[in-house]
Amino acid sequence: MPGRTDSSAATDSPDAGPPGSDIRTARPARPTGTAPAASTARLPDDRARGGPARLLPARSPYRRQLRRIGTGRVLEIGCGTGDTLADCASGSVGVDHDPRSVARCRERGLTACTADTFLASPHARPGAFDALLIANVLEHLDDEQVEGLLRAYVRYVRPGGGVLLITAQEAGHRAGPTPVRFTDFALLRAFAESAGLAVRRTYSHPLPRPAGMLLRSNVFVLVGQVPR
């Protein structure tokens, strides 16, 4: 249900379970291979702020989250300038709409493409990747765009591969580029299931859910799996 938030205090711990099973009805998606312009959205640098935020990294430490979906090749959508992509296994590929971001990734020795270039590349093979990462992107897209984005890229993950979806909580939602709508646990679950994914876990990271009201780096995390 749009606008619903999960009230659990789940953290990044092994026994943190998923929230309730509320699911909104997802509209049929129009598959697309192109990530919209919001795909480079990233949260502001928390170190520029005072208080507890400056004690945490400027960006969420997604290396730990990536380990939850395996150690193989990752396809990252909305890779920006490659900070997270640099933490991924050899052979991983980033996709971003902004050619300047793609160029910066390549300067760093990373493999990155615009959406059109990716689709025309040998990387775009069904099942070619072990995992899919989409962080700080979905909240900037409308429902149809989210569903199209997932359907377009899930096909490149092998059966049994992992999918990691990450969106901002309240403080990050207010601070980042203007989002389309608040994308919480309930919406993440609905989008994942609409794309045919099995939802394995949802949790708040790096701190319990209430911290999201004040901490811009606190995020919703959904761990999904492509059916075997």
C-alpha atoms as a PDB file:
ATOM      1  CA  MET A   1       0.000   0.000   0.000  1.00  0.00           C
ATOM      2  CA  PRO A   2       1.552   3.327  -0.969  1.00  0.00           C
ATOM      3  CA  GLY A   3       2.506   5.419   2.012  1.00  0.00           C
ATOM      4  CA  ARG A   4       2.533   2.537   4.504  1.00  0.00           C
ATOM      5  CA  THR A   5       5.672   2.290   6.609  1.00  0.00           C
ATOM      6  CA  ASP A   6       7.008  -0.707   8.502  1.00  0.00           C
ATOM      7  CA  SER A   7       7.113  -0.082  12.227  1.00  0.00           C
ATOM      8  CA  SER A   8       9.468  -2.931  13.077  1.00  0.00           C
ATOM      9  CA  ALA A   9      12.884  -2.204  14.564  1.00  0.00           C
ATOM     10  CA  ALA A  10      14.670  -4.782  12.430  1.00  0.00           C
ATOM     11  CA  THR A  11      18.385  -4.210  12.050  1.00  0.00           C
ATOM     12  CA  ASP A  12      21.168  -5.776  10.036  1.00  0.00           C
ATOM     13  CA  SER A  13      21.271  -8.933  12.151  1.00  0.00           C
ATOM     14  CA  PRO A  14      20.863 -12.618  11.218  1.00  0.00           C
ATOM     15  CA  ASP A  15      17.548 -13.079  13.016  1.00  0.00           C
ATOM     16  CA  ALA A  16      15.797  -9.965  11.698  1.00  0.00           C
ATOM     17  CA  GLY A  17      12.710 -11.210   9.895  1.00  0.00           C
ATOM     18  CA  PRO A  18      10.546  -9.661   7.169  1.00  0.00           C
ATOM     19  CA  PRO A  19       7.695  -7.318   7.976  1.00  0.00           C
ATOM     20  CA  GLY A  20       4.049  -8.176   7.454  1.00  0.00           C
ATOM     21  CA  SER A  21       2.858  -9.600   4.203  1.00  0.00           C
ATOM     22  CA  ASP A  22       0.861  -6.557   3.066  1.00  0.00           C
ATOM     23  CA  ILE A  23       0.995  -6.361  -0.719  1.00  0.00           C
ATOM     24  CA  ARG A  24      -0.399  -3.694  -2.967  1.00  0.00           C
ATOM     25  CA  THR A  25      -1.737  -4.587  -6.378  1.00  0.00           C
ATOM     26  CA  ALA A  26       0.951  -3.906  -8.956  1.00  0.00           C
ATOM     27  CA  ARG A  27       0.050  -2.788 -12.424  1.00  0.00           C
ATOM     28  CA  PRO A  28       1.391  -4.724 -15.427  1.00  0.00           C
ATOM     29  CA  ALA A  29       4.811  -3.416 -16.344  1.00  0.00           C
ATOM     30  CA  ARG A  30       5.988  -2.155 -19.672  1.00  0.00           C
ATOM     31  CA  PRO A  31       9.483  -3.675 -19.926  1.00  0.00           C
ATOM     32  CA  THR A  32      12.188  -1.190 -20.698  1.00  0.00           C
ATOM     33  CA  GLY A  33      15.950  -1.389 -20.895  1.00  0.00           C
ATOM     34  CA  THR A  34      16.562   2.239 -20.080  1.00  0.00           C
ATOM     35  CA  ALA A  35      16.951   3.543 -16.549  1.00  0.00           C
ATOM     36  CA  PRO A  36      15.288   6.967 -16.133  1.00  0.00           C
ATOM     37  CA  ALA A  37      17.327  10.056 -15.345  1.00  0.00           C
ATOM     38  CA  ALA A  38      16.925   9.610 -11.597  1.00  0.00           C
ATOM     39  CA  SER A  39      19.120   6.513 -11.717  1.00  0.00           C
ATOM     40  CA  THR A  40      22.179   8.404 -10.512  1.00  0.00           C
ATOM     41  CA  ALA A  41      20.446   9.694  -7.389  1.00  0.00           C
ATOM     42  CA  ARG A  42      22.662   9.406  -4.344  1.00  0.00           C
ATOM     43  CA  LEU A  43      22.142  10.697  -0.831  1.00  0.00           C
ATOM     44  CA  PRO A  44      24.048  13.796   0.338  1.00  0.00           C
ATOM     45  CA  ASP A  45      27.307  13.411   2.237  1.00  0.00           C
ATOM     46  CA  ASP A  46      26.391  12.903   5.911  1.00  0.00           C
ATOM     47  CA  ARG A  47      29.863  13.973   7.018  1.00  0.00           C
ATOM     48  CA  ALA A  48      28.918  17.526   6.152  1.00  0.00           C
ATOM     49  CA  ARG A  49      26.470  17.411   9.044  1.00  0.00           C
ATOM     50  CA  GLY A  50      26.995  17.569  12.773  1.00  0.00           C
ATOM     51  CA  GLY A  51      25.712  15.128  15.340  1.00  0.00           C
ATOM     52  CA  PRO A  52      25.752  11.317  15.082  1.00  0.00           C
ATOM     53  CA  ALA A  53      25.558  11.293  11.280  1.00  0.00           C
ATOM     54  CA  ARG A  54      29.185  12.364  10.968  1.00  0.00           C
ATOM     55  CA  LEU A  55      30.278   9.215  12.829  1.00  0.00           C
ATOM     56  CA  LEU A  56      29.034   7.004  10.001  1.00  0.00           C
ATOM     57  CA  PRO A  57      30.369   6.542   6.455  1.00  0.00           C
ATOM     58  CA  ALA A  58      29.286   9.065   3.823  1.00  0.00           C
ATOM     59  CA  ARG A  59      27.458   6.312   1.952  1.00  0.00           C
ATOM     60  CA  SER A  60      25.862   3.171   3.277  1.00  0.00           C
ATOM     61  CA  PRO A  61      28.387   0.299   3.472  1.00  0.00           C
ATOM     62  CA  TYR A  62      26.728  -1.944   0.896  1.00  0.00           C
ATOM     63  CA  ARG A  63      29.615  -4.414   0.817  1.00  0.00           C
ATOM     64  CA  ARG A  64      28.001  -6.209   3.764  1.00  0.00           C
ATOM     65  CA  GLN A  65      24.640  -6.279   2.018  1.00  0.00           C
ATOM     66  CA  LEU A  66      26.201  -7.625  -1.171  1.00  0.00           C
ATOM     67  CA  ARG A  67      27.659 -10.560   0.748  1.00  0.00           C
ATOM     68  CA  ARG A  68      24.114 -11.558   1.646  1.00  0.00           C
ATOM     69  CA  ILE A  69      23.329 -12.216  -2.000  1.00  0.00           C
ATOM     70  CA  GLY A  70      26.593 -13.962  -2.845  1.00  0.00           C
ATOM     71  CA  THR A  71      30.107 -13.128  -3.938  1.00  0.00           C
ATOM     72  CA  GLY A  72      29.744 -13.417  -7.707  1.00  0.00           C
ATOM     73  CA  ARG A  73      29.307 -10.933 -10.540  1.00  0.00           C
ATOM     74  CA  VAL A  74      26.954  -8.037  -9.771  1.00  0.00           C
ATOM     75  CA  LEU A  75      24.891  -5.951 -12.184  1.00  0.00           C
ATOM     76  CA  GLU A  76      24.388  -2.552 -10.543  1.00  0.00           C
ATOM     77  CA  ILE A  77      21.689  -0.278 -11.937  1.00  0.00           C
ATOM     78  CA  GLY A  78      22.239   3.404 -11.191  1.00  0.00           C
ATOM     79  CA  CYS A  79      25.925   2.894 -10.442  1.00  0.00           C
ATOM     80  CA  GLY A  80      26.798   6.606 -10.386  1.00  0.00           C
ATOM     81  CA  THR A  81      30.564   7.114 -10.316  1.00  0.00           C
ATOM     82  CA  GLY A  82      31.224   3.596  -9.076  1.00  0.00           C
ATOM     83  CA  ASP A  83      31.710   3.769  -5.305  1.00  0.00           C
ATOM     84  CA  THR A  84      29.665   0.618  -4.704  1.00  0.00           C
ATOM     85  CA  LEU A  85      30.657  -1.020  -7.979  1.00  0.00           C
ATOM     86  CA  ALA A  86      34.283  -0.825  -6.857  1.00  0.00           C
ATOM     87  CA  ASP A  87      33.393  -3.141  -3.956  1.00  0.00           C
ATOM     88  CA  CYS A  88      31.878  -5.774  -6.240  1.00  0.00           C
ATOM     89  CA  ALA A  89      33.526  -8.921  -7.572  1.00  0.00           C
ATOM     90  CA  SER A  90      35.596  -8.950 -10.738  1.00  0.00           C
ATOM     91  CA  GLY A  91      33.389  -9.056 -13.827  1.00  0.00           C
ATOM     92  CA  SER A  92      30.669  -6.897 -12.287  1.00  0.00           C
ATOM     93  CA  VAL A  93      29.044  -4.246 -14.480  1.00  0.00           C
ATOM     94  CA  GLY A  94      27.411  -0.912 -13.686  1.00  0.00           C
ATOM     95  CA  VAL A  95      24.651   0.751 -15.721  1.00  0.00           C
ATOM     96  CA  ASP A  96      23.860   4.459 -15.524  1.00  0.00           C
ATOM     97  CA  HIS A  97      21.975   6.928 -17.718  1.00  0.00           C
ATOM     98  CA  ASP A  98      24.669   9.606 -17.315  1.00  0.00           C
ATOM     99  CA  PRO A  99      27.625   9.227 -19.723  1.00  0.00           C
ATOM    100  CA  ARG A 100      29.775  11.340 -17.394  1.00  0.00           C
ATOM    101  CA  SER A 101      29.237   8.902 -14.540  1.00  0.00           C
ATOM    102  CA  VAL A 102      29.995   6.000 -16.858  1.00  0.00           C
ATOM    103  CA  ALA A 103      33.190   7.714 -18.008  1.00  0.00           C
ATOM    104  CA  ARG A 104      34.259   8.259 -14.396  1.00  0.00           C
ATOM    105  CA  CYS A 105      33.692   4.563 -13.635  1.00  0.00           C
ATOM    106  CA  ARG A 106      35.852   3.612 -16.581  1.00  0.00           C
ATOM    107  CA  GLU A 107      38.595   5.989 -15.466  1.00  0.00           C
ATOM    108  CA  ARG A 108      38.608   4.038 -12.211  1.00  0.00           C
ATOM    109  CA  GLY A 109      39.085   0.784 -14.090  1.00  0.00           C
ATOM    110  CA  LEU A 110      35.481  -0.352 -13.643  1.00  0.00           C
ATOM    111  CA  THR A 111      33.142  -1.769 -16.281  1.00  0.00           C
ATOM    112  CA  ALA A 112      30.182   0.541 -16.801  1.00  0.00           C
ATOM    113  CA  CYS A 113      27.743   1.346 -19.592  1.00  0.00           C
ATOM    114  CA  THR A 114      24.799   3.525 -20.387  1.00  0.00           C
ATOM    115  CA  ALA A 115      21.584   1.526 -20.683  1.00  0.00           C
ATOM    116  CA  ASP A 116      21.635   1.448 -24.486  1.00  0.00           C
ATOM    117  CA  THR A 117      25.305   0.476 -24.569  1.00  0.00           C
ATOM    118  CA  PHE A 118      24.703  -2.298 -22.059  1.00  0.00           C
ATOM    119  CA  LEU A 119      21.865  -3.770 -24.108  1.00  0.00           C
ATOM    120  CA  ALA A 120      24.118  -3.863 -27.192  1.00  0.00           C
ATOM    121  CA  SER A 121      27.056  -5.358 -25.279  1.00  0.00           C
ATOM    122  CA  PRO A 122      28.077  -9.003 -24.703  1.00  0.00           C
ATOM    123  CA  HIS A 123      27.285  -8.445 -21.013  1.00  0.00           C
ATOM    124  CA  ALA A 124      23.544  -8.429 -21.755  1.00  0.00           C
ATOM    125  CA  ARG A 125      23.041 -12.185 -21.706  1.00  0.00           C
ATOM    126  CA  PRO A 126      20.228 -13.861 -19.772  1.00  0.00           C
ATOM    127  CA  GLY A 127      21.594 -15.287 -16.538  1.00  0.00           C
ATOM    128  CA  ALA A 128      25.014 -13.687 -16.985  1.00  0.00           C
ATOM    129  CA  PHE A 129      25.175 -12.205 -13.470  1.00  0.00           C
ATOM    130  CA  ASP A 130      24.981 -13.678  -9.991  1.00  0.00           C
ATOM    131  CA  ALA A 131      23.213 -10.705  -8.443  1.00  0.00           C
ATOM    132  CA  LEU A 132      21.388  -7.440  -9.147  1.00  0.00           C
ATOM    133  CA  LEU A 133      21.827  -4.284  -7.038  1.00  0.00           C
ATOM    134  CA  ILE A 134      19.556  -1.245  -7.244  1.00  0.00           C
ATOM    135  CA  ALA A 135      20.276   1.306  -4.495  1.00  0.00           C
ATOM    136  CA  ASN A 136      18.691   4.754  -4.009  1.00  0.00           C
ATOM    137  CA  VAL A 137      16.915   4.616  -7.360  1.00  0.00           C
ATOM    138  CA  LEU A 138      13.409   3.193  -7.033  1.00  0.00           C
ATOM    139  CA  GLU A 139      12.061   6.031  -4.865  1.00  0.00           C
ATOM    140  CA  HIS A 140      12.687   8.400  -7.794  1.00  0.00           C
ATOM    141  CA  LEU A 141      10.524   6.424 -10.239  1.00  0.00           C
ATOM    142  CA  ASP A 142       6.792   5.961 -10.571  1.00  0.00           C
ATOM    143  CA  ASP A 143       5.217   2.517 -10.245  1.00  0.00           C
ATOM    144  CA  GLU A 144       5.288   1.711 -13.945  1.00  0.00           C
ATOM    145  CA  GLN A 145       8.931   2.740 -14.248  1.00  0.00           C
ATOM    146  CA  VAL A 146       9.951   0.643 -11.239  1.00  0.00           C
ATOM    147  CA  GLU A 147       8.158  -2.428 -12.536  1.00  0.00           C
ATOM    148  CA  GLY A 148       9.599  -1.924 -16.022  1.00  0.00           C
ATOM    149  CA  LEU A 149      13.114  -1.462 -14.649  1.00  0.00           C
ATOM    150  CA  LEU A 150      12.969  -4.639 -12.587  1.00  0.00           C
ATOM    151  CA  ARG A 151      11.489  -6.733 -15.371  1.00  0.00           C
ATOM    152  CA  ALA A 152      14.097  -5.416 -17.804  1.00  0.00           C
ATOM    153  CA  TYR A 153      17.128  -6.296 -15.677  1.00  0.00           C
ATOM    154  CA  VAL A 154      16.120  -9.296 -13.547  1.00  0.00           C
ATOM    155  CA  ARG A 155      16.433 -11.440 -16.671  1.00  0.00           C
ATOM    156  CA  TYR A 156      20.210 -10.953 -16.613  1.00  0.00           C
ATOM    157  CA  VAL A 157      20.524 -12.645 -13.202  1.00  0.00           C
ATOM    158  CA  ARG A 158      20.929 -16.420 -13.117  1.00  0.00           C
ATOM    159  CA  PRO A 159      18.214 -18.599 -11.556  1.00  0.00           C
ATOM    160  CA  GLY A 160      18.840 -18.687  -7.821  1.00  0.00           C
ATOM    161  CA  GLY A 161      20.774 -15.410  -7.974  1.00  0.00           C
ATOM    162  CA  GLY A 162      20.221 -12.601  -5.498  1.00  0.00           C
ATOM    163  CA  VAL A 163      18.552  -9.212  -5.875  1.00  0.00           C
ATOM    164  CA  LEU A 164      19.261  -6.331  -3.481  1.00  0.00           C
ATOM    165  CA  LEU A 165      16.870  -3.361  -3.451  1.00  0.00           C
ATOM    166  CA  ILE A 166      17.721  -0.361  -1.248  1.00  0.00           C
ATOM    167  CA  THR A 167      15.729   2.838  -0.700  1.00  0.00           C
ATOM    168  CA  ALA A 168      15.996   5.846   1.611  1.00  0.00           C
ATOM    169  CA  GLN A 169      14.102   6.195   4.865  1.00  0.00           C
ATOM    170  CA  GLU A 170      12.529   9.469   6.041  1.00  0.00           C
ATOM    171  CA  ALA A 171      15.642  11.633   6.562  1.00  0.00           C
ATOM    172  CA  GLY A 172      17.246  10.534   3.304  1.00  0.00           C
ATOM    173  CA  HIS A 173      13.933  10.862   1.498  1.00  0.00           C
ATOM    174  CA  ARG A 174      13.696  14.511   2.558  1.00  0.00           C
ATOM    175  CA  ALA A 175      17.345  15.336   1.852  1.00  0.00           C
ATOM    176  CA  GLY A 176      17.938  13.756  -1.545  1.00  0.00           C
ATOM    177  CA  PRO A 177      16.860  14.840  -5.032  1.00  0.00           C
ATOM    178  CA  THR A 178      13.076  15.214  -5.166  1.00  0.00           C
ATOM    179  CA  PRO A 179      11.660  11.677  -4.942  1.00  0.00           C
ATOM    180  CA  VAL A 180       8.441  10.506  -6.571  1.00  0.00           C
ATOM    181  CA  ARG A 181       7.141   8.837  -3.404  1.00  0.00           C
ATOM    182  CA  PHE A 182       8.256   7.181  -0.189  1.00  0.00           C
ATOM    183  CA  THR A 183       9.283   3.597  -0.963  1.00  0.00           C
ATOM    184  CA  ASP A 184       9.132   1.542   2.223  1.00  0.00           C
ATOM    185  CA  PHE A 185       9.203  -2.177   3.040  1.00  0.00           C
ATOM    186  CA  ALA A 186       5.640  -2.737   1.801  1.00  0.00           C
ATOM    187  CA  LEU A 187       6.283  -1.171  -1.607  1.00  0.00           C
ATOM    188  CA  LEU A 188       9.659  -2.894  -2.008  1.00  0.00           C
ATOM    189  CA  ARG A 189       8.008  -6.234  -1.301  1.00  0.00           C
ATOM    190  CA  ALA A 190       5.189  -5.518  -3.748  1.00  0.00           C
ATOM    191  CA  PHE A 191       7.593  -4.498  -6.510  1.00  0.00           C
ATOM    192  CA  ALA A 192       9.814  -7.533  -5.936  1.00  0.00           C
ATOM    193  CA  GLU A 193       6.905  -9.951  -6.028  1.00  0.00           C
ATOM    194  CA  SER A 194       5.464  -8.250  -9.113  1.00  0.00           C
ATOM    195  CA  ALA A 195       8.817  -8.912 -10.821  1.00  0.00           C
ATOM    196  CA  GLY A 196       8.568 -12.601  -9.917  1.00  0.00           C
ATOM    197  CA  LEU A 197      11.177 -12.520  -7.133  1.00  0.00           C
ATOM    198  CA  ALA A 198      11.060 -14.500  -3.913  1.00  0.00           C
ATOM    199  CA  VAL A 199      11.475 -12.120  -0.953  1.00  0.00           C
ATOM    200  CA  ARG A 200      14.019 -13.611   1.449  1.00  0.00           C
ATOM    201  CA  ARG A 201      14.382 -10.801   3.939  1.00  0.00           C
ATOM    202  CA  THR A 202      13.774  -7.119   4.655  1.00  0.00           C
ATOM    203  CA  TYR A 203      15.563  -5.032   7.265  1.00  0.00           C
ATOM    204  CA  SER A 204      16.683  -1.546   8.273  1.00  0.00           C
ATOM    205  CA  HIS A 205      20.368  -0.639   7.870  1.00  0.00           C
ATOM    206  CA  PRO A 206      22.679   0.401   9.489  1.00  0.00           C
ATOM    207  CA  LEU A 207      20.511   1.197  12.528  1.00  0.00           C
ATOM    208  CA  PRO A 208      17.013   0.163  13.689  1.00  0.00           C
ATOM    209  CA  ARG A 209      14.036   1.560  11.841  1.00  0.00           C
ATOM    210  CA  PRO A 210      13.373   4.603  14.147  1.00  0.00           C
ATOM    211  CA  ALA A 211      16.803   6.034  13.256  1.00  0.00           C
ATOM    212  CA  GLY A 212      15.540   6.653   9.732  1.00  0.00           C
ATOM    213  CA  MET A 213      13.686   9.726  10.956  1.00  0.00           C
ATOM    214  CA  LEU A 214      16.998  11.490  11.657  1.00  0.00           C
ATOM    215  CA  LEU A 215      19.792   9.633   9.877  1.00  0.00           C
ATOM    216  CA  ARG A 216      20.087  10.145   6.144  1.00  0.00           C
ATOM    217  CA  SER A 217      22.165   7.008   5.595  1.00  0.00           C
ATOM    218  CA  ASN A 218      19.539   4.719   7.180  1.00  0.00           C
ATOM    219  CA  VAL A 219      17.884   2.687   4.449  1.00  0.00           C
ATOM    220  CA  PHE A 220      15.271   0.038   3.718  1.00  0.00           C
ATOM    221  CA  VAL A 221      16.860  -3.165   2.394  1.00  0.00           C
ATOM    222  CA  LEU A 222      15.114  -6.007   0.588  1.00  0.00           C
ATOM    223  CA  VAL A 223      16.968  -9.222  -0.201  1.00  0.00           C
ATOM    224  CA  GLY A 224      15.276 -11.180  -2.983  1.00  0.00           C
ATOM    225  CA  GLN A 225      16.039 -14.196  -5.112  1.00  0.00           C
ATOM    226  CA  VAL A 226      15.396 -15.088  -8.734  1.00  0.00           C
ATOM    227  CA  PRO A 227      13.422 -18.363  -8.797  1.00  0.00           C
ATOM    228  CA  ARG A 228      15.399 -21.451  -9.765  1.00  0.00           C
END
